[in-house]
PDB file of N, CA and C in Angstrom:
ATOM      1  N   MET A   1     153.419 148.813  63.092  1.00  0.00           N
ATOM      2  CA  MET A   1     154.804 150.450  62.243  1.00  0.00           C
ATOM      3  C   MET A   1     153.825 151.191  61.367  1.00  0.00           C
ATOM      4  N   ARG A   2     153.780 152.534  61.756  1.00  0.00           N
ATOM      5  CA  ARG A   2     153.287 153.627  60.380  1.00  0.00           C
ATOM      6  C   ARG A   2     154.664 153.752  59.818  1.00  0.00           C
ATOM      7  N   ARG A   3     154.332 153.398  58.729  1.00  0.00           N
ATOM      8  CA  ARG A   3     156.127 154.371  57.685  1.00  0.00           C
ATOM      9  C   ARG A   3     155.644 155.682  57.149  1.00  0.00           C
ATOM     10  N   VAL A   4     156.257 156.946  57.109  1.00  0.00           N
ATOM     11  CA  VAL A   4     155.803 157.865  56.492  1.00  0.00           C
ATOM     12  C   VAL A   4     156.824 157.874  55.473  1.00  0.00           C
ATOM     13  N   HIS A   5     156.638 159.066  54.369  1.00  0.00           N
ATOM     14  CA  HIS A   5     158.007 159.093  53.615  1.00  0.00           C
ATOM     15  C   HIS A   5     157.954 160.868  54.014  1.00  0.00           C
ATOM     16  N   LEU A   6     159.267 160.797  53.545  1.00  0.00           N
ATOM     17  CA  LEU A   6     159.695 162.232  53.759  1.00  0.00           C
ATOM     18  C   LEU A   6     160.889 162.228  52.362  1.00  0.00           C
ATOM     19  N   GLU A   7     160.945 163.481  52.174  1.00  0.00           N
ATOM     20  CA  GLU A   7     161.815 163.611  50.736  1.00  0.00           C
ATOM     21  C   GLU A   7     162.441 165.353  50.883  1.00  0.00           C
ATOM     22  N   ALA A   8     163.621 165.275  50.433  1.00  0.00           N
ATOM     23  CA  ALA A   8     164.717 166.389  50.303  1.00  0.00           C
ATOM     24  C   ALA A   8     165.509 166.261  49.485  1.00  0.00           C
ATOM     25  N   ALA A   9     165.786 167.511  49.096  1.00  0.00           N
ATOM     26  CA  ALA A   9     166.281 167.452  47.906  1.00  0.00           C
ATOM     27  C   ALA A   9     168.547 166.651  48.073  1.00  0.00           C
ATOM     28  N   GLU A  10     168.857 166.844  46.885  1.00  0.00           N
ATOM     29  CA  GLU A  10     169.864 165.901  47.687  1.00  0.00           C
ATOM     30  C   GLU A  10     170.520 167.036  48.416  1.00  0.00           C
ATOM     31  N   ASP A  11     171.068 168.621  47.452  1.00  0.00           N
ATOM     32  CA  ASP A  11     171.805 169.514  47.936  1.00  0.00           C
ATOM     33  C   ASP A  11     171.383 170.014  49.278  1.00  0.00           C
ATOM     34  N   HIS A  12     169.965 169.655  49.475  1.00  0.00           N
ATOM     35  CA  HIS A  12     169.505 170.277  50.835  1.00  0.00           C
ATOM     36  C   HIS A  12     170.137 169.309  52.578  1.00  0.00           C
ATOM     37  N   VAL A  13     169.895 168.402  51.543  1.00  0.00           N
ATOM     38  CA  VAL A  13     170.921 167.006  52.412  1.00  0.00           C
ATOM     39  C   VAL A  13     172.227 166.328  52.987  1.00  0.00           C
ATOM     40  N   GLU A  14     173.070 167.272  52.055  1.00  0.00           N
ATOM     41  CA  GLU A  14     174.501 167.474  51.939  1.00  0.00           C
ATOM     42  C   GLU A  14     174.701 168.829  52.540  1.00  0.00           C
ATOM     43  N   ARG A  15     174.164 169.462  52.755  1.00  0.00           N
ATOM     44  CA  ARG A  15     173.858 170.655  53.813  1.00  0.00           C
ATOM     45  C   ARG A  15     174.084 170.749  55.322  1.00  0.00           C
ATOM     46  N   LEU A  16     172.908 169.840  55.038  1.00  0.00           N
ATOM     47  CA  LEU A  16     172.848 168.965  56.614  1.00  0.00           C
ATOM     48  C   LEU A  16     173.800 168.177  57.092  1.00  0.00           C
ATOM     49  N   ALA A  17     174.112 167.397  56.675  1.00  0.00           N
ATOM     50  CA  ALA A  17     175.094 166.465  56.628  1.00  0.00           C
ATOM     51  C   ALA A  17     176.332 167.031  56.914  1.00  0.00           C
ATOM     52  N   ARG A  18     176.473 168.187  56.542  1.00  0.00           N
ATOM     53  CA  ARG A  18     177.598 169.185  56.586  1.00  0.00           C
ATOM     54  C   ARG A  18     179.437 168.191  56.175  1.00  0.00           C
ATOM     55  N   GLU A  19     178.855 167.728  54.811  1.00  0.00           N
ATOM     56  CA  GLU A  19     180.321 167.244  54.597  1.00  0.00           C
ATOM     57  C   GLU A  19     182.153 167.744  55.243  1.00  0.00           C
ATOM     58  N   HIS A  20     181.987 168.903  54.894  1.00  0.00           N
ATOM     59  CA  HIS A  20     183.313 169.391  55.150  1.00  0.00           C
ATOM     60  C   HIS A  20     183.151 170.259  56.853  1.00  0.00           C
ATOM     61  N   ASP A  21     182.331 169.320  57.576  1.00  0.00           N
ATOM     62  CA  ASP A  21     182.642 169.850  59.290  1.00  0.00           C
ATOM     63  C   ASP A  21     181.896 168.677  59.629  1.00  0.00           C
ATOM     64  N   PRO A  22     182.323 167.170  59.708  1.00  0.00           N
ATOM     65  CA  PRO A  22     181.950 165.998  60.103  1.00  0.00           C
ATOM     66  C   PRO A  22     181.702 166.295  61.938  1.00  0.00           C
ATOM     67  N   VAL A  23     182.711 167.292  62.083  1.00  0.00           N
ATOM     68  CA  VAL A  23     182.455 166.747  63.765  1.00  0.00           C
ATOM     69  C   VAL A  23     181.237 167.438  64.206  1.00  0.00           C
ATOM     70  N   GLY A  24     181.388 168.780  63.465  1.00  0.00           N
ATOM     71  CA  GLY A  24     179.811 170.065  63.734  1.00  0.00           C
ATOM     72  C   GLY A  24     178.520 168.622  63.526  1.00  0.00           C
ATOM     73  N   ALA A  25     178.596 167.711  62.236  1.00  0.00           N
ATOM     74  CA  ALA A  25     177.406 167.175  62.105  1.00  0.00           C
ATOM     75  C   ALA A  25     177.377 166.152  63.275  1.00  0.00           C
ATOM     76  N   VAL A  26     178.403 165.634  63.978  1.00  0.00           N
ATOM     77  CA  VAL A  26     178.334 164.716  64.985  1.00  0.00           C
ATOM     78  C   VAL A  26     177.299 165.081  66.197  1.00  0.00           C
ATOM     79  N   LYS A  27     178.175 166.321  66.866  1.00  0.00           N
ATOM     80  CA  LYS A  27     177.962 167.537  67.940  1.00  0.00           C
ATOM     81  C   LYS A  27     175.951 167.971  67.521  1.00  0.00           C
ATOM     82  N   GLU A  28     175.626 168.355  66.336  1.00  0.00           N
ATOM     83  CA  GLU A  28     174.494 168.594  66.137  1.00  0.00           C
ATOM     84  C   GLU A  28     173.347 167.095  66.213  1.00  0.00           C
ATOM     85  N   LEU A  29     173.671 165.577  65.998  1.00  0.00           N
ATOM     86  CA  LEU A  29     172.736 164.766  66.160  1.00  0.00           C
ATOM     87  C   LEU A  29     173.528 164.560  67.651  1.00  0.00           C
ATOM     88  N   ILE A  30     173.798 165.049  68.106  1.00  0.00           N
ATOM     89  CA  ILE A  30     173.682 165.029  69.857  1.00  0.00           C
ATOM     90  C   ILE A  30     172.519 165.757  70.494  1.00  0.00           C
ATOM     91  N   TRP A  31     172.915 166.956  69.913  1.00  0.00           N
ATOM     92  CA  TRP A  31     172.073 168.056  70.140  1.00  0.00           C
ATOM     93  C   TRP A  31     170.484 167.607  69.815  1.00  0.00           C
ATOM     94  N   ASN A  32     170.289 166.731  68.939  1.00  0.00           N
ATOM     95  CA  ASN A  32     169.003 166.655  68.498  1.00  0.00           C
ATOM     96  C   ASN A  32     168.444 165.471  69.291  1.00  0.00           C
ATOM     97  N   ALA A  33     169.263 164.470  70.271  1.00  0.00           N
ATOM     98  CA  ALA A  33     169.186 163.744  71.153  1.00  0.00           C
ATOM     99  C   ALA A  33     168.941 164.256  72.632  1.00  0.00           C
ATOM    100  N   LEU A  34     169.629 165.209  72.534  1.00  0.00           N
ATOM    101  CA  LEU A  34     169.680 165.884  73.806  1.00  0.00           C
ATOM    102  C   LEU A  34     167.994 166.558  73.765  1.00  0.00           C
ATOM    103  N   ASP A  35     167.862 167.294  72.905  1.00  0.00           N
ATOM    104  CA  ASP A  35     166.140 168.217  72.537  1.00  0.00           C
ATOM    105  C   ASP A  35     165.249 167.361  72.290  1.00  0.00           C
ATOM    106  N   ALA A  36     165.370 166.118  72.224  1.00  0.00           N
ATOM    107  CA  ALA A  36     164.441 164.677  72.379  1.00  0.00           C
ATOM    108  C   ALA A  36     164.390 164.567  74.068  1.00  0.00           C
ATOM    109  N   ASP A  37     165.037 164.727  74.549  1.00  0.00           N
ATOM    110  CA  ASP A  37     164.940 164.882  76.525  1.00  0.00           C
ATOM    111  C   ASP A  37     165.604 163.194  76.817  1.00  0.00           C
ATOM    112  N   ALA A  38     166.916 163.087  75.824  1.00  0.00           N
ATOM    113  CA  ALA A  38     167.190 161.742  76.042  1.00  0.00           C
ATOM    114  C   ALA A  38     168.861 162.285  77.067  1.00  0.00           C
ATOM    115  N   THR A  39     168.224 160.620  77.646  1.00  0.00           N
ATOM    116  CA  THR A  39     169.940 160.756  78.787  1.00  0.00           C
ATOM    117  C   THR A  39     170.761 159.353  79.105  1.00  0.00           C
ATOM    118  N   LYS A  40     170.889 159.118  77.964  1.00  0.00           N
ATOM    119  CA  LYS A  40     172.045 158.372  77.473  1.00  0.00           C
ATOM    120  C   LYS A  40     172.210 158.455  76.090  1.00  0.00           C
ATOM    121  N   VAL A  41     173.419 159.195  75.369  1.00  0.00           N
ATOM    122  CA  VAL A  41     173.549 159.023  74.507  1.00  0.00           C
ATOM    123  C   VAL A  41     174.757 158.137  73.255  1.00  0.00           C
ATOM    124  N   THR A  42     174.779 157.250  72.847  1.00  0.00           N
ATOM    125  CA  THR A  42     176.104 156.252  72.104  1.00  0.00           C
ATOM    126  C   THR A  42     176.403 157.257  71.160  1.00  0.00           C
ATOM    127  N   VAL A  43     177.711 157.098  71.027  1.00  0.00           N
ATOM    128  CA  VAL A  43     178.272 157.541  69.714  1.00  0.00           C
ATOM    129  C   VAL A  43     179.398 156.345  69.121  1.00  0.00           C
ATOM    130  N   THR A  44     179.179 155.653  67.882  1.00  0.00           N
ATOM    131  CA  THR A  44     180.404 154.711  67.766  1.00  0.00           C
ATOM    132  C   THR A  44     181.159 154.658  66.333  1.00  0.00           C
ATOM    133  N   ILE A  45     182.217 154.841  66.507  1.00  0.00           N
ATOM    134  CA  ILE A  45     183.064 155.001  65.396  1.00  0.00           C
ATOM    135  C   ILE A  45     183.620 153.830  64.845  1.00  0.00           C
ATOM    136  N   GLU A  46     182.858 153.602  63.523  1.00  0.00           N
ATOM    137  CA  GLU A  46     183.704 152.169  62.731  1.00  0.00           C
ATOM    138  C   GLU A  46     184.990 152.553  62.118  1.00  0.00           C
ATOM    139  N   ARG A  47     186.091 152.173  61.929  1.00  0.00           N
ATOM    140  CA  ARG A  47     187.149 152.400  61.253  1.00  0.00           C
ATOM    141  C   ARG A  47     187.595 151.745  60.135  1.00  0.00           C
ATOM    142  N   SER A  48     187.731 151.718  59.029  1.00  0.00           N
ATOM    143  CA  SER A  48     188.116 151.086  57.807  1.00  0.00           C
ATOM    144  C   SER A  48     189.712 150.623  58.228  1.00  0.00           C
ATOM    145  N   ALA A  49     189.929 149.320  57.308  1.00  0.00           N
ATOM    146  CA  ALA A  49     191.023 148.910  57.117  1.00  0.00           C
ATOM    147  C   ALA A  49     192.171 149.546  57.494  1.00  0.00           C
ATOM    148  N   THR A  50     192.487 150.499  56.849  1.00  0.00           N
ATOM    149  CA  THR A  50     193.583 151.884  57.112  1.00  0.00           C
ATOM    150  C   THR A  50     192.991 152.734  57.943  1.00  0.00           C
ATOM    151  N   GLY A  51     192.108 153.078  59.421  1.00  0.00           N
ATOM    152  CA  GLY A  51     192.149 153.728  60.484  1.00  0.00           C
ATOM    153  C   GLY A  51     191.212 154.603  60.025  1.00  0.00           C
ATOM    154  N   ALA A  52     190.629 154.976  58.868  1.00  0.00           N
ATOM    155  CA  ALA A  52     189.835 155.937  58.529  1.00  0.00           C
ATOM    156  C   ALA A  52     188.449 155.958  59.306  1.00  0.00           C
ATOM    157  N   ALA A  53     187.981 156.785  59.892  1.00  0.00           N
ATOM    158  CA  ALA A  53     186.584 157.087  59.933  1.00  0.00           C
ATOM    159  C   ALA A  53     185.115 156.469  58.854  1.00  0.00           C
ATOM    160  N   ASP A  54     185.014 155.176  58.964  1.00  0.00           N
ATOM    161  CA  ASP A  54     184.946 155.067  57.604  1.00  0.00           C
ATOM    162  C   ASP A  54     182.932 154.705  58.015  1.00  0.00           C
ATOM    163  N   LYS A  55     182.533 154.838  59.012  1.00  0.00           N
ATOM    164  CA  LYS A  55     180.623 155.031  59.747  1.00  0.00           C
ATOM    165  C   LYS A  55     180.668 155.886  61.142  1.00  0.00           C
ATOM    166  N   VAL A  56     179.733 156.736  61.629  1.00  0.00           N
ATOM    167  CA  VAL A  56     179.923 156.850  62.484  1.00  0.00           C
ATOM    168  C   VAL A  56     177.997 156.680  63.570  1.00  0.00           C
ATOM    169  N   LEU A  57     178.196 155.933  64.494  1.00  0.00           N
ATOM    170  CA  LEU A  57     176.827 155.596  64.600  1.00  0.00           C
ATOM    171  C   LEU A  57     176.303 156.176  65.424  1.00  0.00           C
ATOM    172  N   ILE A  58     175.199 156.626  66.302  1.00  0.00           N
ATOM    173  CA  ILE A  58     174.234 157.634  66.812  1.00  0.00           C
ATOM    174  C   ILE A  58     173.126 157.347  67.385  1.00  0.00           C
ATOM    175  N   ALA A  59     173.571 156.330  69.083  1.00  0.00           N
ATOM    176  CA  ALA A  59     172.557 156.058  69.274  1.00  0.00           C
ATOM    177  C   ALA A  59     171.750 156.813  70.766  1.00  0.00           C
ATOM    178  N   ASP A  60     169.967 156.859  70.987  1.00  0.00           N
ATOM    179  CA  ASP A  60     169.540 157.540  72.129  1.00  0.00           C
ATOM    180  C   ASP A  60     168.356 156.908  72.956  1.00  0.00           C
ATOM    181  N   ASP A  61     168.500 157.426  73.446  1.00  0.00           N
ATOM    182  CA  ASP A  61     166.641 156.839  74.493  1.00  0.00           C
ATOM    183  C   ASP A  61     165.757 158.246  74.305  1.00  0.00           C
ATOM    184  N   GLY A  62     165.685 158.640  73.463  1.00  0.00           N
ATOM    185  CA  GLY A  62     164.958 160.054  73.312  1.00  0.00           C
ATOM    186  C   GLY A  62     163.530 159.914  73.278  1.00  0.00           C
ATOM    187  N   GLU A  63     162.771 161.528  73.119  1.00  0.00           N
ATOM    188  CA  GLU A  63     161.214 160.630  73.007  1.00  0.00           C
ATOM    189  C   GLU A  63     161.042 160.513  71.798  1.00  0.00           C
ATOM    190  N   GLY A  64     162.559 160.469  70.724  1.00  0.00           N
ATOM    191  CA  GLY A  64     161.966 160.317  69.227  1.00  0.00           C
ATOM    192  C   GLY A  64     160.974 161.182  68.723  1.00  0.00           C
ATOM    193  N   ILE A  65     160.358 160.601  67.520  1.00  0.00           N
ATOM    194  CA  ILE A  65     158.783 161.641  67.635  1.00  0.00           C
ATOM    195  C   ILE A  65     157.455 160.587  66.492  1.00  0.00           C
ATOM    196  N   THR A  66     156.599 161.164  66.079  1.00  0.00           N
ATOM    197  CA  THR A  66     155.365 160.056  66.059  1.00  0.00           C
ATOM    198  C   THR A  66     155.304 160.547  64.748  1.00  0.00           C
ATOM    199  N   PRO A  67     154.749 160.125  63.887  1.00  0.00           N
ATOM    200  CA  PRO A  67     154.102 159.857  62.456  1.00  0.00           C
ATOM    201  C   PRO A  67     154.077 161.724  62.300  1.00  0.00           C
ATOM    202  N   GLU A  68     152.379 161.528  63.118  1.00  0.00           N
ATOM    203  CA  GLU A  68     151.780 162.917  63.248  1.00  0.00           C
ATOM    204  C   GLU A  68     153.013 164.544  62.711  1.00  0.00           C
ATOM    205  N   GLY A  69     153.780 164.423  64.201  1.00  0.00           N
ATOM    206  CA  GLY A  69     155.017 165.354  64.598  1.00  0.00           C
ATOM    207  C   GLY A  69     155.764 165.007  63.496  1.00  0.00           C
ATOM    208  N   CYS A  70     156.239 164.361  62.914  1.00  0.00           N
ATOM    209  CA  CYS A  70     157.007 164.050  61.634  1.00  0.00           C
ATOM    210  C   CYS A  70     156.625 164.977  60.767  1.00  0.00           C
ATOM    211  N   THR A  71     155.175 165.520  60.156  1.00  0.00           N
ATOM    212  CA  THR A  71     154.442 165.609  59.044  1.00  0.00           C
ATOM    213  C   THR A  71     155.329 167.557  59.446  1.00  0.00           C
ATOM    214  N   THR A  72     154.304 167.925  60.771  1.00  0.00           N
ATOM    215  CA  THR A  72     154.583 169.097  61.370  1.00  0.00           C
ATOM    216  C   THR A  72     155.819 169.390  61.380  1.00  0.00           C
ATOM    217  N   ALA A  73     156.762 168.795  61.544  1.00  0.00           N
ATOM    218  CA  ALA A  73     158.084 169.027  61.630  1.00  0.00           C
ATOM    219  C   ALA A  73     159.057 169.610  60.566  1.00  0.00           C
ATOM    220  N   PHE A  74     158.698 168.547  59.762  1.00  0.00           N
ATOM    221  CA  PHE A  74     159.752 168.320  58.332  1.00  0.00           C
ATOM    222  C   PHE A  74     158.603 169.661  56.829  1.00  0.00           C
ATOM    223  N   GLU A  75     157.236 169.658  57.074  1.00  0.00           N
ATOM    224  CA  GLU A  75     156.580 170.448  56.667  1.00  0.00           C
ATOM    225  C   GLU A  75     157.548 171.521  56.111  1.00  0.00           C
ATOM    226  N   LYS A  76     158.107 172.587  56.911  1.00  0.00           N
ATOM    227  CA  LYS A  76     158.902 173.259  56.866  1.00  0.00           C
ATOM    228  C   LYS A  76     160.208 173.107  57.286  1.00  0.00           C
ATOM    229  N   ILE A  77     161.745 172.927  56.647  1.00  0.00           N
ATOM    230  CA  ILE A  77     162.765 172.211  56.755  1.00  0.00           C
ATOM    231  C   ILE A  77     163.519 173.475  56.531  1.00  0.00           C
ATOM    232  N   GLY A  78     164.613 174.067  57.775  1.00  0.00           N
ATOM    233  CA  GLY A  78     165.055 174.469  57.996  1.00  0.00           C
ATOM    234  C   GLY A  78     164.831 175.870  59.563  1.00  0.00           C
ATOM    235  N   GLY A  79     163.390 175.580  60.253  1.00  0.00           N
ATOM    236  CA  GLY A  79     162.775 176.615  61.011  1.00  0.00           C
ATOM    237  C   GLY A  79     162.849 175.876  61.863  1.00  0.00           C
ATOM    238  N   SER A  80     163.617 176.379  63.625  1.00  0.00           N
ATOM    239  CA  SER A  80     163.460 175.508  64.855  1.00  0.00           C
ATOM    240  C   SER A  80     162.643 175.549  65.666  1.00  0.00           C
ATOM    241  N   TRP A  81     162.061 175.187  66.241  1.00  0.00           N
ATOM    242  CA  TRP A  81     161.372 175.587  67.456  1.00  0.00           C
ATOM    243  C   TRP A  81     162.122 175.849  68.516  1.00  0.00           C
ATOM    244  N   LYS A  82     163.406 175.861  68.499  1.00  0.00           N
ATOM    245  CA  LYS A  82     163.766 175.764  69.433  1.00  0.00           C
ATOM    246  C   LYS A  82     164.166 177.515  69.934  1.00  0.00           C
ATOM    247  N   LYS A  83     164.192 177.635  68.216  1.00  0.00           N
ATOM    248  CA  LYS A  83     164.646 179.538  68.575  1.00  0.00           C
ATOM    249  C   LYS A  83     163.636 180.024  69.650  1.00  0.00           C
ATOM    250  N   HIS A  84     162.240 179.628  69.853  1.00  0.00           N
ATOM    251  CA  HIS A  84     160.638 179.987  70.685  1.00  0.00           C
ATOM    252  C   HIS A  84     160.610 179.452  71.805  1.00  0.00           C
ATOM    253  N   SER A  85     161.837 178.216  72.429  1.00  0.00           N
ATOM    254  CA  SER A  85     161.722 177.359  73.190  1.00  0.00           C
ATOM    255  C   SER A  85     162.871 177.672  74.107  1.00  0.00           C
ATOM    256  N   HIS A  86     162.462 177.343  75.199  1.00  0.00           N
ATOM    257  CA  HIS A  86     163.980 177.050  76.384  1.00  0.00           C
ATOM    258  C   HIS A  86     163.468 176.065  77.267  1.00  0.00           C
ATOM    259  N   THR A  87     162.802 175.162  77.223  1.00  0.00           N
ATOM    260  CA  THR A  87     162.063 173.798  77.650  1.00  0.00           C
ATOM    261  C   THR A  87     162.009 172.348  76.379  1.00  0.00           C
ATOM    262  N   THR A  88     162.022 171.291  77.071  1.00  0.00           N
ATOM    263  CA  THR A  88     161.317 170.655  76.316  1.00  0.00           C
ATOM    264  C   THR A  88     160.089 169.685  76.538  1.00  0.00           C
ATOM    265  N   GLU A  89     159.240 168.783  76.218  1.00  0.00           N
ATOM    266  CA  GLU A  89     157.841 168.160  76.709  1.00  0.00           C
ATOM    267  C   GLU A  89     158.241 167.648  77.988  1.00  0.00           C
ATOM    268  N   LEU A  90     159.259 167.051  77.684  1.00  0.00           N
ATOM    269  CA  LEU A  90     159.920 166.303  79.573  1.00  0.00           C
ATOM    270  C   LEU A  90     159.701 167.391  80.439  1.00  0.00           C
ATOM    271  N   PHE A  91     160.962 167.983  80.069  1.00  0.00           N
ATOM    272  CA  PHE A  91     161.547 168.895  81.141  1.00  0.00           C
ATOM    273  C   PHE A  91     160.692 170.201  81.148  1.00  0.00           C
ATOM    274  N   PRO A  92     159.804 170.399  81.216  1.00  0.00           N
ATOM    275  CA  PRO A  92     159.059 171.699  80.865  1.00  0.00           C
ATOM    276  C   PRO A  92     159.618 172.577  82.011  1.00  0.00           C
ATOM    277  N   THR A  93     160.543 172.971  82.495  1.00  0.00           N
ATOM    278  CA  THR A  93     160.483 173.791  83.260  1.00  0.00           C
ATOM    279  C   THR A  93     162.819 174.171  83.813  1.00  0.00           C
TER     280      THR A  93
END
């Protein structure tokens, strides 16, 4: 397996994580899975001893991204191919 090092400033990561909108962050991750042609998305919420949401795990069977695709996708964080496309690679119509 090839490893690719990606780095982002802490403030950018915090904004993307939507610390003040955890439901929005989960919705974004689900949409990312669907954009990758996932047909199954599983959301698991682990709770602390007090019952608070402690960890959210999201798994999907989407296509993923190649190491080469990482370079292209993360060169410019913030731009989205979705603004210019109405399909995905697996479902082009």
